[in-house]
Amino acid sequence: MTARAGAAIPVAMLSALTLALADLFDRRLLPIWIKSALAALLAVAVLGVAAFFALRMTARHVIANSELAEVLVLLLALFGSWLLWRIVALAVLQFFADDVVAAIERRDYPAHAAQARKIGWQAELCRAAASATRALLFNLLALPFALALLVTGVGAPLVFIAVNAVLLGRELQDMVWLRHGAAAQTASPLGTGERLVLGGVTALLLTVPVVNFAAPFLGAACAVHLIHRKGWLHGS
C-alpha cells in the first residue's frame, strides 16, 4: 500500500461515515434500523435473563458465601450482556442486511441496485447464524488475553476492539458484496486496510453507550458507501 493510498483510507471512511449518519435519519431507512435494534435488544434481554438465572443457580452450589455469589453473578451478567450485544446485534443485522443495503442502493446507487440479486431469508438466516458463531468463538478465544491485560485498564477493551475489527470488516463488506453475484467472485472490493478501518470504527461505536444501538446499521451503511463510491462494481 502506497502512502497516498494509506492516507486516503481515513478520508474515505470519514466521508462514508458522514453519509451513514445521514442515512440514520432517512425516513425510508429509519424503520429498518429501529426494527433491527429492537430485535437485537429483545434477543439480548432473553439470553441475558436466562444466563443470569443459570449462573445464579450454579454459583449458589459452588460458592458458600451468598453475597459474594450475587456480586460475581452480577459482574458476569454485565460483562456477558456487553459481549452478547455486539454478537447478537451483528447477527440480527445480518438477517436484515438485504433490506438495509437495498434501500441505500436504490436511493443513492440505482444502477447498482438494478443489477443486485435478492438474498432470500434462508440465506440471510444462515449468514446470521454463521456470523454469530464466528463472533462468539473469536471473542471467547480473545477472553484469556483480555483478562491478562485487565490490570492495564485499556488493554482488555483494545483486545476486543482489535478482534472485532477483523471480524466486522469482513462481515460488513460481504453484506454488500454478496448481493452482486458473479461480480463478487472477482477481487475483494475493499483492501485489508479499508476493512480494518471499517471494522475498527464499527467496533469502537459498539462500545459507546446509546450510539451502540445504531452502530451495526452505521457500519453496514458505511460499507455500502465505501464500496460503491470506490467505483468497484462493474468498473463504474
Protein backbone atom coordinates (compact mmCIF):
# COMPACT_ATOMS: atom_id res chain seq x y z
CA MET A 1 0.00 0.00 0.00
CA THR A 2 1.39 3.40 -1.00
CA ALA A 3 1.49 6.34 1.39
CA ARG A 4 -1.13 8.13 -0.72
CA ALA A 5 -3.46 5.11 -0.65
CA GLY A 6 -2.95 4.72 3.10
CA ALA A 7 -3.78 8.37 3.70
CA ALA A 8 -6.90 8.11 1.53
CA ILE A 9 -8.46 5.38 3.70
CA PRO A 10 -9.36 7.59 6.72
CA VAL A 11 -10.71 10.29 4.35
CA ALA A 12 -12.91 7.77 2.52
CA MET A 13 -14.08 6.33 5.85
CA LEU A 14 -14.95 9.76 7.24
CA SER A 15 -16.93 10.56 4.10
CA ALA A 16 -18.77 7.22 4.28
CA LEU A 17 -19.50 7.69 7.99
CA THR A 18 -20.94 11.16 7.33
CA LEU A 19 -23.27 9.68 4.71
CA ALA A 20 -24.17 6.80 7.06
CA LEU A 21 -25.14 9.25 9.82
CA ALA A 22 -27.47 10.98 7.37
CA ASP A 23 -28.93 7.57 6.46
CA LEU A 24 -29.74 7.03 10.12
CA PHE A 25 -32.43 9.71 9.97
CA ASP A 26 -33.75 8.96 6.49
CA ARG A 27 -37.43 8.12 6.87
CA ARG A 28 -37.05 5.24 4.41
CA LEU A 29 -34.23 3.69 6.45
CA LEU A 30 -35.28 4.65 9.99
CA PRO A 31 -37.81 1.79 10.38
CA ILE A 32 -35.22 -0.80 9.27
CA TRP A 33 -32.54 0.09 11.79
CA ILE A 34 -35.04 0.59 14.62
CA LYS A 35 -36.56 -2.82 13.82
CA SER A 36 -33.14 -4.49 13.86
CA ALA A 37 -32.10 -2.67 17.08
CA LEU A 38 -35.31 -3.69 18.88
CA ALA A 39 -34.95 -7.29 17.70
CA ALA A 40 -31.34 -7.35 18.97
CA LEU A 41 -32.37 -5.81 22.31
CA LEU A 42 -35.09 -8.43 22.77
CA ALA A 43 -32.71 -11.27 21.92
CA VAL A 44 -30.02 -9.96 24.31
CA ALA A 45 -32.61 -9.48 27.08
CA VAL A 46 -33.91 -13.04 26.74
CA LEU A 47 -30.42 -14.54 26.59
CA GLY A 48 -29.20 -12.30 29.43
CA VAL A 49 -32.03 -13.22 31.79
CA ALA A 50 -31.61 -16.94 31.02
CA ALA A 51 -27.85 -16.71 31.60
CA PHE A 52 -28.32 -14.73 34.83
CA PHE A 53 -30.58 -17.35 36.43
CA ALA A 54 -28.36 -20.19 35.20
CA LEU A 55 -25.26 -18.51 36.66
CA ARG A 56 -27.11 -17.71 39.89
CA MET A 57 -28.16 -21.29 40.37
CA THR A 58 -24.65 -22.56 39.62
CA ALA A 59 -22.99 -20.00 41.93
CA ARG A 60 -25.21 -20.97 44.87
CA HIS A 61 -23.96 -24.54 44.61
CA VAL A 62 -20.30 -23.62 44.15
CA ILE A 63 -19.80 -20.57 46.39
CA ALA A 64 -20.80 -20.80 50.06
CA ASN A 65 -20.90 -17.03 50.59
CA SER A 66 -24.25 -15.98 49.07
CA GLU A 67 -23.38 -12.26 48.98
CA LEU A 68 -20.14 -12.96 47.12
CA ALA A 69 -22.02 -15.23 44.73
CA GLU A 70 -24.57 -12.49 43.97
CA VAL A 71 -21.80 -9.95 43.24
CA LEU A 72 -19.93 -12.36 40.96
CA VAL A 73 -23.11 -13.28 39.10
CA LEU A 74 -23.99 -9.61 38.62
CA LEU A 75 -20.50 -8.82 37.26
CA LEU A 76 -20.61 -11.81 34.93
CA ALA A 77 -24.09 -10.86 33.76
CA LEU A 78 -22.99 -7.30 32.98
CA PHE A 79 -19.91 -8.48 31.11
CA GLY A 80 -21.93 -11.13 29.31
CA SER A 81 -24.51 -8.56 28.18
CA TRP A 82 -21.74 -6.31 26.88
CA LEU A 83 -20.22 -9.22 24.96
CA LEU A 84 -23.59 -10.53 23.77
CA TRP A 85 -24.72 -7.20 22.36
CA ARG A 86 -22.02 -6.96 19.70
CA ILE A 87 -22.54 -10.59 18.71
CA VAL A 88 -26.34 -10.58 18.66
CA ALA A 89 -26.67 -7.09 17.12
CA LEU A 90 -24.48 -8.05 14.17
CA ALA A 91 -26.27 -11.37 13.72
CA VAL A 92 -29.66 -9.64 13.72
CA LEU A 93 -28.41 -7.02 11.27
CA GLN A 94 -27.17 -9.82 9.01
CA PHE A 95 -30.76 -11.05 8.88
CA PHE A 96 -31.99 -7.57 7.85
CA ALA A 97 -28.87 -6.74 5.82
CA ASP A 98 -30.50 -7.11 2.44
CA ASP A 99 -33.20 -4.57 3.39
CA VAL A 100 -30.59 -2.08 4.65
CA VAL A 101 -28.23 -2.36 1.70
CA ALA A 102 -31.02 -2.49 -0.91
CA ALA A 103 -32.68 0.66 0.48
CA ILE A 104 -29.44 2.67 0.33
CA GLU A 105 -28.54 1.33 -3.11
CA ARG A 106 -31.98 2.15 -4.53
CA ARG A 107 -31.72 5.72 -3.31
CA ASP A 108 -28.04 6.54 -3.95
CA TYR A 109 -26.78 3.91 -6.42
CA PRO A 110 -29.82 2.93 -8.54
CA ALA A 111 -27.78 1.45 -11.42
CA HIS A 112 -26.08 -0.93 -9.00
CA ALA A 113 -29.34 -1.71 -7.23
CA ALA A 114 -30.86 -2.80 -10.54
CA GLN A 115 -28.03 -5.33 -11.02
CA ALA A 116 -28.15 -6.76 -7.49
CA ARG A 117 -29.65 -10.13 -6.65
CA LYS A 118 -32.18 -10.69 -3.89
CA ILE A 119 -30.83 -12.73 -0.97
CA GLY A 120 -33.54 -14.99 0.46
CA TRP A 121 -34.37 -15.15 4.15
CA GLN A 122 -32.94 -18.69 4.38
CA ALA A 123 -29.54 -17.46 3.17
CA GLU A 124 -29.75 -14.44 5.49
CA LEU A 125 -30.58 -16.71 8.43
CA CYS A 126 -27.61 -18.97 7.64
CA ARG A 127 -25.31 -15.96 7.35
CA ALA A 128 -26.62 -14.56 10.65
CA ALA A 129 -26.01 -17.88 12.43
CA ALA A 130 -22.53 -18.21 10.93
CA SER A 131 -21.70 -14.62 11.87
CA ALA A 132 -22.84 -15.11 15.47
CA THR A 133 -20.88 -18.37 15.77
CA ARG A 134 -17.67 -16.80 14.43
CA ALA A 135 -18.04 -13.74 16.66
CA LEU A 136 -18.71 -15.83 19.78
CA LEU A 137 -15.80 -18.18 19.06
CA PHE A 138 -13.23 -15.47 18.40
CA ASN A 139 -14.36 -13.32 21.34
CA LEU A 140 -14.10 -16.33 23.66
CA LEU A 141 -10.62 -17.08 22.29
CA ALA A 142 -9.66 -13.45 22.97
CA LEU A 143 -11.05 -13.55 26.53
CA PRO A 144 -7.92 -15.01 28.25
CA PHE A 145 -5.72 -12.33 26.65
CA ALA A 146 -8.19 -9.62 27.66
CA LEU A 147 -8.26 -10.90 31.26
CA ALA A 148 -4.45 -10.94 31.35
CA LEU A 149 -4.43 -7.26 30.30
CA LEU A 150 -7.26 -6.25 32.63
CA VAL A 151 -4.85 -4.59 35.08
CA THR A 152 -3.70 -2.16 32.37
CA GLY A 153 -7.14 -0.57 32.23
CA VAL A 154 -7.16 -0.18 28.45
CA GLY A 155 -5.61 -3.45 27.32
CA ALA A 156 -8.75 -5.59 27.61
CA PRO A 157 -11.04 -3.31 25.55
CA LEU A 158 -8.31 -2.93 22.92
CA VAL A 159 -8.08 -6.72 22.52
CA PHE A 160 -11.81 -6.99 21.86
CA ILE A 161 -11.79 -3.98 19.53
CA ALA A 162 -8.91 -5.49 17.52
CA VAL A 163 -10.58 -8.91 17.25
CA ASN A 164 -13.93 -7.43 16.29
CA ALA A 165 -12.34 -5.03 13.81
CA VAL A 166 -11.13 -8.01 11.79
CA LEU A 167 -14.47 -9.83 12.05
CA LEU A 168 -16.69 -6.82 11.39
CA GLY A 169 -14.67 -5.53 8.45
CA ARG A 170 -15.20 -8.77 6.53
CA GLU A 171 -18.83 -9.23 7.61
CA LEU A 172 -19.86 -5.69 6.69
CA GLN A 173 -18.11 -5.86 3.33
CA ASP A 174 -19.87 -9.12 2.50
CA MET A 175 -23.29 -7.67 3.30
CA VAL A 176 -22.85 -5.51 0.20
CA TRP A 177 -20.51 -7.66 -1.89
CA LEU A 178 -22.57 -10.84 -1.92
CA ARG A 179 -25.65 -9.06 -3.32
CA HIS A 180 -23.88 -8.68 -6.63
CA GLY A 181 -23.45 -12.34 -7.53
CA ALA A 182 -20.85 -13.09 -10.17
CA ALA A 183 -19.10 -9.74 -9.69
CA ALA A 184 -18.31 -10.79 -6.15
CA GLN A 185 -16.21 -13.67 -7.45
CA THR A 186 -13.54 -11.19 -8.58
CA ALA A 187 -11.18 -9.31 -6.27
CA SER A 188 -12.36 -8.16 -2.86
CA PRO A 189 -13.85 -4.66 -3.22
CA LEU A 190 -12.11 -3.36 -0.08
CA GLY A 191 -8.46 -3.79 0.75
CA THR A 192 -7.23 -5.18 4.08
CA GLY A 193 -6.60 -1.70 5.46
CA GLU A 194 -10.02 -0.47 4.41
CA ARG A 195 -11.75 -3.46 6.02
CA LEU A 196 -9.79 -2.97 9.25
CA VAL A 197 -10.71 0.72 9.43
CA LEU A 198 -14.37 -0.08 8.67
CA GLY A 199 -14.44 -2.86 11.27
CA GLY A 200 -12.46 -0.84 13.80
CA VAL A 201 -14.74 2.21 13.61
CA THR A 202 -17.82 -0.01 13.95
CA ALA A 203 -16.26 -1.89 16.88
CA LEU A 204 -15.49 1.43 18.61
CA LEU A 205 -19.05 2.65 18.04
CA LEU A 206 -20.32 -0.56 19.65
CA THR A 207 -18.57 0.45 22.89
CA VAL A 208 -20.24 3.90 23.11
CA PRO A 209 -23.45 3.92 25.20
CA VAL A 210 -26.61 4.78 23.22
CA VAL A 211 -24.61 5.01 19.97
CA ASN A 212 -24.05 1.24 20.18
CA PHE A 213 -27.74 0.66 19.35
CA ALA A 214 -27.19 2.17 15.90
CA ALA A 215 -23.57 1.02 15.43
CA PRO A 216 -24.30 -2.12 13.34
CA PHE A 217 -26.55 -0.12 11.00
CA LEU A 218 -23.94 2.64 10.69
CA GLY A 219 -21.29 0.03 9.86
CA ALA A 220 -23.47 -1.51 7.14
CA ALA A 221 -24.30 1.90 5.66
CA CYS A 222 -20.60 2.83 5.69
CA ALA A 223 -19.79 -0.38 3.83
CA VAL A 224 -22.36 0.44 1.12
CA HIS A 225 -20.92 3.91 0.56
CA LEU A 226 -17.28 2.81 0.75
CA ILE A 227 -17.74 0.09 -1.87
CA HIS A 228 -19.91 1.99 -4.33
CA ARG A 229 -18.08 5.31 -4.06
CA LYS A 230 -14.87 3.43 -4.74
CA GLY A 231 -16.35 2.59 -8.16
CA TRP A 232 -15.72 -1.12 -7.67
CA LEU A 233 -18.88 -2.59 -9.18
CA HIS A 234 -18.57 -3.27 -12.90
CA GLY A 235 -15.79 -0.73 -13.16
CA SER A 236 -18.18 2.16 -12.59
